[in-house]
Amino acid sequence: MGIPRAPSYPLVADHVTVEIREDRDPASPGGRLLLMDGVEASHVDLIDPTSIRFEYLRHLVGVLDAMFPATGALDAFQVGGGPCTLARYLVATRRRAHVRVVERDAGVVAISREHLMLDQVPRLQVQVGDGREAVAALPDASQDLVVVDAFVGLMAPHALSTGEFIADVRRVLRPGGLHAMNLIDVEPLELARAVAAGMEQEHPHVALLAEPAVLQHRTSGNVLLLASDRPLPPQATGRALARDASPWEARTGRALARMTQGHAPLHDDVPPTHQLARLAPLWGRVKQA
């Protein structure tokens, strides 16, 4: 069975409008770029799921490969799926991986099934629903990995950023498990610092990863936050970041403590006041999910 061609027209999901574009590189016939409301949101390779185009995901994959050997079992849960690029990678590289993804937009899931071969991915369960509620329903110590990669517009949902949610993720993680979150932030990284502060209250080992220009407040961009009860692998959070085609840097230990000093975790019953939340009305995305 051949891979489906990308539709030449936008597709309307429940919360966003999706465009799928085929890679122009003839060496990548299965590459598909997804734009949501005109913003580049995901990339997936339908032929080679180990081909990771987005730089934040490459760095996250580097951490996961260092923490979870390919020969071991892995139970993973992801909030925010899109085309399930990370889930496809995990099941393609780990025969004993079982991945569950919860995506709030049923239309995005339907588009991924029809145009991106989602139903052909083994050992992957995709459900439509609220991410916070889905995590709350997980049994204690049932997951090796919980990944949060969800957005309302350009902002990570408040409900998935608070100290209360971070504590619930810790509850469902097994010893040695990892809580990973991808978010976008603007200088002075108030959202990222607050989420990191929340993670520091629950986990002894926390790392913040971003490209140097983001850390130096010269641009906005993706930030990866990692938290675990075991040391994070230096081979994935140290010099390896600088060897990538898009070099990043890590803040851990005292360097991260300096970043989070004076920054309190976010809380469920307190509306966010960080810089990104103050800018959200300018994008027409004020609703929190």
Protein backbone atom coordinates (compact mmCIF):
# COMPACT_ATOMS: atom_id res chain seq x y z
CA MET A 1 0.00 0.00 0.00
CA GLY A 2 1.43 3.36 -1.03
CA ILE A 3 1.57 6.40 1.16
CA PRO A 4 -1.28 8.89 0.73
CA ARG A 5 -0.67 12.15 -1.09
CA ALA A 6 -1.00 15.30 0.91
CA PRO A 7 -4.32 17.06 0.28
CA SER A 8 -4.01 20.24 -1.72
CA TYR A 9 -6.51 22.10 0.47
CA PRO A 10 -6.73 23.06 4.16
CA LEU A 11 -8.54 20.66 6.49
CA VAL A 12 -10.78 21.99 9.25
CA ALA A 13 -10.43 20.21 12.59
CA ASP A 14 -12.34 20.97 15.79
CA HIS A 15 -10.03 23.71 17.06
CA VAL A 16 -7.58 24.44 14.23
CA THR A 17 -7.22 24.48 10.48
CA VAL A 18 -4.60 22.01 9.27
CA GLU A 19 -2.46 22.15 6.15
CA ILE A 20 -0.31 19.18 5.12
CA ARG A 21 2.64 19.83 2.83
CA GLU A 22 4.85 17.21 1.20
CA ASP A 23 8.60 17.60 1.57
CA ARG A 24 10.19 19.09 -1.53
CA ASP A 25 13.29 16.94 -1.10
CA PRO A 26 12.92 13.90 -3.40
CA ALA A 27 15.05 11.95 -0.91
CA SER A 28 12.24 12.30 1.61
CA PRO A 29 9.08 11.18 -0.21
CA GLY A 30 7.31 10.37 3.06
CA GLY A 31 7.99 13.69 4.75
CA ARG A 32 4.94 15.71 5.76
CA LEU A 33 4.92 19.16 7.35
CA LEU A 34 1.80 20.13 9.30
CA LEU A 35 0.73 23.72 9.73
CA MET A 36 -1.97 24.51 12.26
CA ASP A 37 -3.66 27.86 11.77
CA GLY A 38 -0.77 28.75 9.48
CA VAL A 39 1.99 27.95 12.01
CA GLU A 40 4.45 25.10 11.48
CA ALA A 41 3.40 22.66 14.21
CA SER A 42 4.72 19.18 13.37
CA HIS A 43 6.69 17.13 10.90
CA VAL A 44 6.38 13.40 10.36
CA ASP A 45 8.00 10.97 7.95
CA LEU A 46 5.50 8.32 6.88
CA ILE A 47 8.22 6.04 5.52
CA ASP A 48 10.97 6.54 8.10
CA PRO A 49 9.54 7.37 11.55
CA THR A 50 13.07 7.67 12.96
CA SER A 51 13.66 10.78 10.82
CA ILE A 52 13.08 13.70 13.18
CA ARG A 53 13.01 17.14 11.57
CA PHE A 54 12.06 19.50 14.42
CA GLU A 55 15.07 20.37 16.57
CA TYR A 56 13.31 20.29 19.97
CA LEU A 57 12.12 16.76 19.23
CA ARG A 58 15.60 15.64 18.17
CA HIS A 59 16.96 16.79 21.52
CA LEU A 60 14.12 15.10 23.40
CA VAL A 61 14.74 11.87 21.47
CA GLY A 62 18.41 12.09 22.45
CA VAL A 63 17.44 12.21 26.12
CA LEU A 64 14.99 9.32 25.77
CA ASP A 65 17.49 7.14 23.93
CA ALA A 66 20.01 7.74 26.71
CA MET A 67 17.55 7.06 29.53
CA PHE A 68 15.55 4.16 28.13
CA PRO A 69 17.52 1.45 26.29
CA ALA A 70 15.94 0.23 23.07
CA THR A 71 15.93 -3.35 24.36
CA GLY A 72 13.87 -2.55 27.45
CA ALA A 73 10.14 -2.27 27.97
CA LEU A 74 8.67 1.23 27.89
CA ASP A 75 5.23 2.46 28.88
CA ALA A 76 4.82 6.01 27.64
CA PHE A 77 1.96 8.50 27.83
CA GLN A 78 1.84 11.71 25.81
CA VAL A 79 -0.50 14.67 26.16
CA GLY A 80 -0.87 16.43 22.82
CA GLY A 81 -0.39 14.20 19.85
CA GLY A 82 -0.79 15.90 16.49
CA PRO A 83 0.48 13.34 13.97
CA CYS A 84 2.17 11.39 16.83
CA THR A 85 5.73 11.89 15.57
CA LEU A 86 7.34 10.99 18.90
CA ALA A 87 5.06 8.00 19.43
CA ARG A 88 5.94 6.65 15.98
CA TYR A 89 9.63 7.00 16.80
CA LEU A 90 9.28 5.17 20.11
CA VAL A 91 7.46 2.15 18.71
CA ALA A 92 9.76 2.03 15.67
CA THR A 93 12.89 1.91 17.81
CA ARG A 94 11.57 -0.20 20.71
CA ARG A 95 9.82 -3.50 20.15
CA ARG A 96 8.63 -3.49 23.75
CA ALA A 97 7.27 0.06 23.77
CA HIS A 98 3.59 0.74 24.31
CA VAL A 99 2.51 4.33 23.84
CA ARG A 100 -0.75 6.08 24.66
CA VAL A 101 -1.51 9.54 23.30
CA VAL A 102 -4.36 11.81 24.32
CA GLU A 103 -5.26 14.60 21.88
CA ARG A 104 -8.02 17.10 22.59
CA ASP A 105 -8.86 17.76 18.93
CA ALA A 106 -10.83 14.87 17.43
CA GLY A 107 -10.48 16.48 14.00
CA VAL A 108 -6.68 16.34 14.19
CA VAL A 109 -6.86 12.65 15.07
CA ALA A 110 -9.24 12.00 12.17
CA ILE A 111 -6.94 13.86 9.77
CA SER A 112 -3.94 11.86 10.99
CA ARG A 113 -5.84 8.62 10.45
CA GLU A 114 -6.99 9.53 6.93
CA HIS A 115 -3.92 11.30 5.57
CA LEU A 116 -0.97 10.30 7.78
CA MET A 117 -1.37 6.54 8.19
CA LEU A 118 -1.92 6.75 11.94
CA ASP A 119 -3.90 3.51 12.07
CA GLN A 120 -0.91 1.59 10.73
CA VAL A 121 1.32 2.43 13.70
CA PRO A 122 1.67 -0.63 15.98
CA ARG A 123 1.44 -0.56 19.77
CA LEU A 124 0.01 2.94 19.75
CA GLN A 125 -3.30 3.88 21.35
CA VAL A 126 -4.72 7.30 20.56
CA GLN A 127 -7.67 8.73 22.44
CA VAL A 128 -9.52 12.01 22.22
CA GLY A 129 -9.94 13.85 25.47
CA ASP A 130 -8.66 16.27 28.08
CA GLY A 131 -5.02 15.73 28.94
CA ARG A 132 -5.29 16.72 32.58
CA GLU A 133 -8.20 14.36 33.13
CA ALA A 134 -6.44 11.55 31.28
CA VAL A 135 -3.36 11.80 33.49
CA ALA A 136 -5.53 11.92 36.61
CA ALA A 137 -7.11 8.62 35.54
CA LEU A 138 -3.76 6.80 35.27
CA PRO A 139 -2.84 4.38 38.06
CA ASP A 140 0.01 5.15 40.43
CA ALA A 141 3.49 4.16 39.21
CA SER A 142 2.16 2.98 35.84
CA GLN A 143 4.33 4.96 33.38
CA ASP A 144 8.01 5.17 32.54
CA LEU A 145 7.56 8.37 30.53
CA VAL A 146 5.04 11.20 30.48
CA VAL A 147 5.47 13.79 27.73
CA VAL A 148 3.47 17.02 27.54
CA ASP A 149 3.53 18.66 24.09
CA ALA A 150 0.23 20.50 23.88
CA PHE A 151 -0.64 24.06 22.94
CA VAL A 152 -3.51 26.49 22.80
CA GLY A 153 -2.27 28.74 20.04
CA LEU A 154 1.39 29.27 20.94
CA MET A 155 0.99 28.73 24.68
CA ALA A 156 1.18 25.59 26.75
CA PRO A 157 -2.16 25.17 28.57
CA HIS A 158 -2.11 26.49 32.13
CA ALA A 159 -3.70 23.29 33.45
CA LEU A 160 -0.70 21.31 32.17
CA SER A 161 1.87 23.71 33.65
CA THR A 162 0.93 23.96 37.33
CA GLY A 163 2.52 22.48 40.40
CA GLU A 164 -0.59 20.42 41.03
CA PHE A 165 -0.34 18.79 37.61
CA ILE A 166 3.39 18.19 38.01
CA ALA A 167 2.69 16.42 41.31
CA ASP A 168 0.10 14.22 39.60
CA VAL A 169 2.59 13.29 36.88
CA ARG A 170 5.09 12.32 39.58
CA ARG A 171 2.41 10.08 41.08
CA VAL A 172 1.98 8.07 37.86
CA LEU A 173 5.71 7.74 37.12
CA ARG A 174 7.60 4.62 38.09
CA PRO A 175 10.97 4.94 39.84
CA GLY A 176 13.43 6.13 37.24
CA GLY A 177 10.68 7.62 35.11
CA LEU A 178 10.79 10.92 33.24
CA HIS A 179 8.42 13.88 32.97
CA ALA A 180 9.21 15.89 29.81
CA MET A 181 7.47 19.05 28.65
CA ASN A 182 7.86 21.11 25.51
CA LEU A 183 6.74 24.72 25.60
CA ILE A 184 7.31 27.99 23.80
CA ASP A 185 8.36 31.04 25.78
CA VAL A 186 9.47 34.63 25.32
CA GLU A 187 12.02 36.61 27.28
CA PRO A 188 12.54 36.62 30.21
CA LEU A 189 11.29 32.99 30.18
CA GLU A 190 8.85 33.48 33.04
CA LEU A 191 6.71 30.51 32.05
CA ALA A 192 9.67 28.15 31.70
CA ARG A 193 11.14 29.28 35.03
CA ALA A 194 7.81 28.77 36.81
CA VAL A 195 7.32 25.27 35.38
CA ALA A 196 10.93 24.38 36.26
CA ALA A 197 10.33 25.65 39.81
CA GLY A 198 7.31 23.38 40.06
CA MET A 199 9.35 20.44 38.84
CA GLU A 200 12.11 21.21 41.36
CA GLN A 201 9.59 20.86 44.18
CA GLU A 202 8.69 17.33 43.06
CA HIS A 203 11.89 15.89 41.55
CA PRO A 204 15.56 15.91 42.60
CA HIS A 205 16.81 16.14 39.02
CA VAL A 206 15.53 18.84 36.65
CA ALA A 207 16.94 20.26 33.43
CA LEU A 208 15.97 23.11 31.12
CA LEU A 209 17.10 22.83 27.49
CA ALA A 210 16.91 25.53 24.82
CA GLU A 211 18.94 27.10 22.05
CA PRO A 212 21.44 29.72 23.26
CA ALA A 213 19.56 32.65 21.73
CA VAL A 214 16.47 31.72 23.78
CA LEU A 215 18.48 31.39 26.99
CA GLN A 216 20.14 34.74 26.30
CA HIS A 217 16.72 36.38 25.77
CA ARG A 218 17.50 37.32 22.17
CA THR A 219 14.52 35.46 20.70
CA SER A 220 11.50 33.38 21.60
CA GLY A 221 11.48 29.64 21.01
CA ASN A 222 11.01 26.13 22.27
CA VAL A 223 12.10 25.12 25.76
CA LEU A 224 12.36 21.52 26.94
CA LEU A 225 11.91 20.77 30.63
CA LEU A 226 12.92 17.41 32.05
CA ALA A 227 12.35 16.02 35.54
CA SER A 228 13.16 12.68 37.15
CA ASP A 229 14.08 10.99 40.41
CA ARG A 230 17.34 9.75 38.84
CA PRO A 231 20.19 11.75 37.35
CA LEU A 232 19.57 12.92 33.81
CA PRO A 233 22.06 11.51 31.30
CA PRO A 234 25.02 13.86 30.76
CA GLN A 235 25.57 12.37 27.30
CA ALA A 236 22.19 13.83 26.26
CA THR A 237 22.06 17.05 28.29
CA GLY A 238 25.69 18.14 27.94
CA ARG A 239 28.02 18.39 24.98
CA ALA A 240 25.76 16.31 22.75
CA LEU A 241 23.40 19.28 22.56
CA ALA A 242 26.11 21.38 20.98
CA ARG A 243 26.90 18.75 18.34
CA ASP A 244 23.41 18.83 16.87
CA ALA A 245 22.77 20.70 13.62
CA SER A 246 20.80 23.13 15.80
CA PRO A 247 22.95 23.46 18.94
CA TRP A 248 21.18 23.79 22.29
CA GLU A 249 22.36 24.26 25.87
CA ALA A 250 21.22 22.76 29.17
CA ARG A 251 20.70 24.40 32.54
CA THR A 252 20.88 21.99 35.47
CA GLY A 253 21.90 22.05 39.14
CA ARG A 254 23.08 25.41 40.42
CA ALA A 255 22.71 27.09 37.03
CA LEU A 256 19.03 26.14 36.91
CA ALA A 257 18.55 27.06 40.57
CA ARG A 258 19.79 30.56 39.74
CA MET A 259 17.25 30.76 36.91
CA THR A 260 14.33 29.67 39.09
CA GLN A 261 15.30 31.68 42.17
CA GLY A 262 12.42 34.01 43.01
CA HIS A 263 10.04 32.24 40.63
CA ALA A 264 7.14 30.37 42.21
CA PRO A 265 5.35 27.43 40.59
CA LEU A 266 2.07 28.09 38.83
CA HIS A 267 -1.12 26.97 40.55
CA ASP A 268 -4.52 25.74 39.40
CA ASP A 269 -6.52 28.41 41.22
CA VAL A 270 -4.29 31.36 40.29
CA PRO A 271 -4.58 32.83 36.77
CA PRO A 272 -1.19 33.04 35.03
CA THR A 273 0.49 36.43 34.88
CA HIS A 274 3.73 35.50 33.12
CA GLN A 275 4.79 37.44 30.04
CA LEU A 276 3.45 34.90 27.55
CA ALA A 277 0.02 34.95 29.19
CA ARG A 278 0.00 38.74 29.05
CA LEU A 279 0.77 38.62 25.34
CA ALA A 280 -1.78 35.90 24.53
CA PRO A 281 -4.69 38.32 23.86
CA LEU A 282 -2.64 39.85 21.06
CA TRP A 283 -2.77 36.49 19.27
CA GLY A 284 -6.48 36.05 19.85
CA ARG A 285 -5.81 32.96 21.97
CA VAL A 286 -7.00 33.78 25.46
CA LYS A 287 -8.89 30.59 26.26
CA GLN A 288 -7.06 28.17 28.52
CA ALA A 289 -7.52 24.40 28.17
